[in-house]
Amino acid sequence: MPKHKGGQGIKAPYTTTHVRVPLPVKPEVERLISRFHESGEIAEENPLTGIEEAISFAKGILLQKKSAKASLEKLLTAIYGQKISL
């Protein structure tokens, strides 16, 4: 999605807002904004923050009694934050 410059009568196809951002966080926010303009969506980078959380997620997948392929796809998707097909 190209970055919209705006102007009189030109609206972006999404709603916007103004937020004050602390300087230490500003580079990360700018990176997220540029990723949004490049792909049109924001995906979580790594929703699992620690090894304990990953282990509990894996145990939850095992309780679902799905095939090994489906279970691995779910686990890899959770770890890497993007849809993975095996």
C-alpha atoms as a PDB file:
ATOM      1  CA  MET A   1       0.000   0.000   0.000  1.00  0.00           C
ATOM      2  CA  PRO A   2       1.631   3.289  -1.021  1.00  0.00           C
ATOM      3  CA  LYS A   3       1.972   5.986   1.590  1.00  0.00           C
ATOM      4  CA  HIS A   4      -0.778   8.567   1.106  1.00  0.00           C
ATOM      5  CA  LYS A   5       0.312  12.192   1.179  1.00  0.00           C
ATOM      6  CA  GLY A   6      -3.179  13.474   1.897  1.00  0.00           C
ATOM      7  CA  GLY A   7      -4.143  17.017   1.111  1.00  0.00           C
ATOM      8  CA  GLN A   8      -7.359  18.782   0.279  1.00  0.00           C
ATOM      9  CA  GLY A   9     -10.035  16.267  -0.662  1.00  0.00           C
ATOM     10  CA  ILE A  10      -7.660  13.274  -0.575  1.00  0.00           C
ATOM     11  CA  LYS A  11      -8.384  10.867   2.272  1.00  0.00           C
ATOM     12  CA  ALA A  12      -6.422   7.798   3.233  1.00  0.00           C
ATOM     13  CA  PRO A  13      -8.380   4.520   3.016  1.00  0.00           C
ATOM     14  CA  TYR A  14      -7.852   4.017   6.771  1.00  0.00           C
ATOM     15  CA  THR A  15      -8.547   6.147   9.823  1.00  0.00           C
ATOM     16  CA  THR A  16      -5.657   7.972  11.440  1.00  0.00           C
ATOM     17  CA  THR A  17      -4.932   9.566  14.779  1.00  0.00           C
ATOM     18  CA  HIS A  18      -2.249  11.642  16.445  1.00  0.00           C
ATOM     19  CA  VAL A  19      -0.272  10.179  19.345  1.00  0.00           C
ATOM     20  CA  ARG A  20       2.658  11.547  21.309  1.00  0.00           C
ATOM     21  CA  VAL A  21       5.451   8.970  21.388  1.00  0.00           C
ATOM     22  CA  PRO A  22       8.462   8.941  23.740  1.00  0.00           C
ATOM     23  CA  LEU A  23      11.732   9.416  21.869  1.00  0.00           C
ATOM     24  CA  PRO A  24      13.198   6.013  22.831  1.00  0.00           C
ATOM     25  CA  VAL A  25      10.151   4.292  21.255  1.00  0.00           C
ATOM     26  CA  LYS A  26       9.906   6.475  18.128  1.00  0.00           C
ATOM     27  CA  PRO A  27      12.141   4.335  15.825  1.00  0.00           C
ATOM     28  CA  GLU A  28      10.053   1.237  16.557  1.00  0.00           C
ATOM     29  CA  VAL A  29       6.811   3.114  15.867  1.00  0.00           C
ATOM     30  CA  GLU A  30       8.213   4.469  12.585  1.00  0.00           C
ATOM     31  CA  ARG A  31       9.268   0.944  11.595  1.00  0.00           C
ATOM     32  CA  LEU A  32       5.744  -0.357  12.262  1.00  0.00           C
ATOM     33  CA  ILE A  33       4.250   2.476  10.212  1.00  0.00           C
ATOM     34  CA  SER A  34       6.547   1.768   7.257  1.00  0.00           C
ATOM     35  CA  ARG A  35       5.707  -1.970   7.463  1.00  0.00           C
ATOM     36  CA  PHE A  36       2.020  -1.070   7.403  1.00  0.00           C
ATOM     37  CA  HIS A  37       2.471   1.049   4.278  1.00  0.00           C
ATOM     38  CA  GLU A  38       4.500  -1.678   2.562  1.00  0.00           C
ATOM     39  CA  SER A  39       2.216  -4.632   3.276  1.00  0.00           C
ATOM     40  CA  GLY A  40      -1.092  -3.063   4.256  1.00  0.00           C
ATOM     41  CA  GLU A  41      -1.283  -4.946   7.545  1.00  0.00           C
ATOM     42  CA  ILE A  42       0.568  -5.320  10.791  1.00  0.00           C
ATOM     43  CA  ALA A  43       1.313  -8.837  11.967  1.00  0.00           C
ATOM     44  CA  GLU A  44       2.675  -9.606  15.374  1.00  0.00           C
ATOM     45  CA  GLU A  45       6.374 -10.336  15.149  1.00  0.00           C
ATOM     46  CA  ASN A  46       6.645 -12.895  17.899  1.00  0.00           C
ATOM     47  CA  PRO A  47       3.564 -13.363  20.040  1.00  0.00           C
ATOM     48  CA  LEU A  48       5.373 -15.885  22.300  1.00  0.00           C
ATOM     49  CA  THR A  49       7.601 -13.904  24.604  1.00  0.00           C
ATOM     50  CA  GLY A  50       9.332 -16.637  26.558  1.00  0.00           C
ATOM     51  CA  ILE A  51      10.148 -20.316  26.682  1.00  0.00           C
ATOM     52  CA  GLU A  52       7.511 -20.963  29.370  1.00  0.00           C
ATOM     53  CA  GLU A  53       4.807 -19.416  27.193  1.00  0.00           C
ATOM     54  CA  ALA A  54       5.960 -21.451  24.173  1.00  0.00           C
ATOM     55  CA  ILE A  55       5.879 -24.675  26.194  1.00  0.00           C
ATOM     56  CA  SER A  56       2.363 -24.004  27.480  1.00  0.00           C
ATOM     57  CA  PHE A  57       1.213 -23.182  23.935  1.00  0.00           C
ATOM     58  CA  ALA A  58       2.760 -26.431  22.646  1.00  0.00           C
ATOM     59  CA  LYS A  59       1.011 -28.419  25.392  1.00  0.00           C
ATOM     60  CA  GLY A  60      -2.274 -26.818  24.367  1.00  0.00           C
ATOM     61  CA  ILE A  61      -1.674 -27.862  20.758  1.00  0.00           C
ATOM     62  CA  LEU A  62      -0.957 -31.449  21.857  1.00  0.00           C
ATOM     63  CA  LEU A  63      -4.260 -31.593  23.741  1.00  0.00           C
ATOM     64  CA  GLN A  64      -6.147 -30.840  20.508  1.00  0.00           C
ATOM     65  CA  LYS A  65      -5.288 -34.312  19.132  1.00  0.00           C
ATOM     66  CA  LYS A  66      -4.632 -33.055  15.589  1.00  0.00           C
ATOM     67  CA  SER A  67      -2.158 -34.515  13.120  1.00  0.00           C
ATOM     68  CA  ALA A  68       1.552 -33.858  13.573  1.00  0.00           C
ATOM     69  CA  LYS A  69       1.615 -31.673  10.459  1.00  0.00           C
ATOM     70  CA  ALA A  70      -1.245 -29.460  11.673  1.00  0.00           C
ATOM     71  CA  SER A  71       0.290 -29.226  15.144  1.00  0.00           C
ATOM     72  CA  LEU A  72       3.697 -28.197  13.798  1.00  0.00           C
ATOM     73  CA  GLU A  73       2.107 -25.597  11.517  1.00  0.00           C
ATOM     74  CA  LYS A  74       0.294 -24.047  14.503  1.00  0.00           C
ATOM     75  CA  LEU A  75       3.435 -24.046  16.646  1.00  0.00           C
ATOM     76  CA  LEU A  76       5.648 -22.519  13.944  1.00  0.00           C
ATOM     77  CA  THR A  77       2.995 -19.919  13.173  1.00  0.00           C
ATOM     78  CA  ALA A  78       2.877 -18.966  16.852  1.00  0.00           C
ATOM     79  CA  ILE A  79       6.663 -18.769  17.163  1.00  0.00           C
ATOM     80  CA  TYR A  80       7.417 -16.828  13.978  1.00  0.00           C
ATOM     81  CA  GLY A  81       4.248 -14.732  13.807  1.00  0.00           C
ATOM     82  CA  GLN A  82       3.375 -15.552  10.208  1.00  0.00           C
ATOM     83  CA  LYS A  83       1.290 -18.249   8.520  1.00  0.00           C
ATOM     84  CA  ILE A  84       3.439 -21.320   7.852  1.00  0.00           C
ATOM     85  CA  SER A  85       2.333 -24.268   5.707  1.00  0.00           C
ATOM     86  CA  LEU A  86       4.246 -27.528   5.651  1.00  0.00           C
END
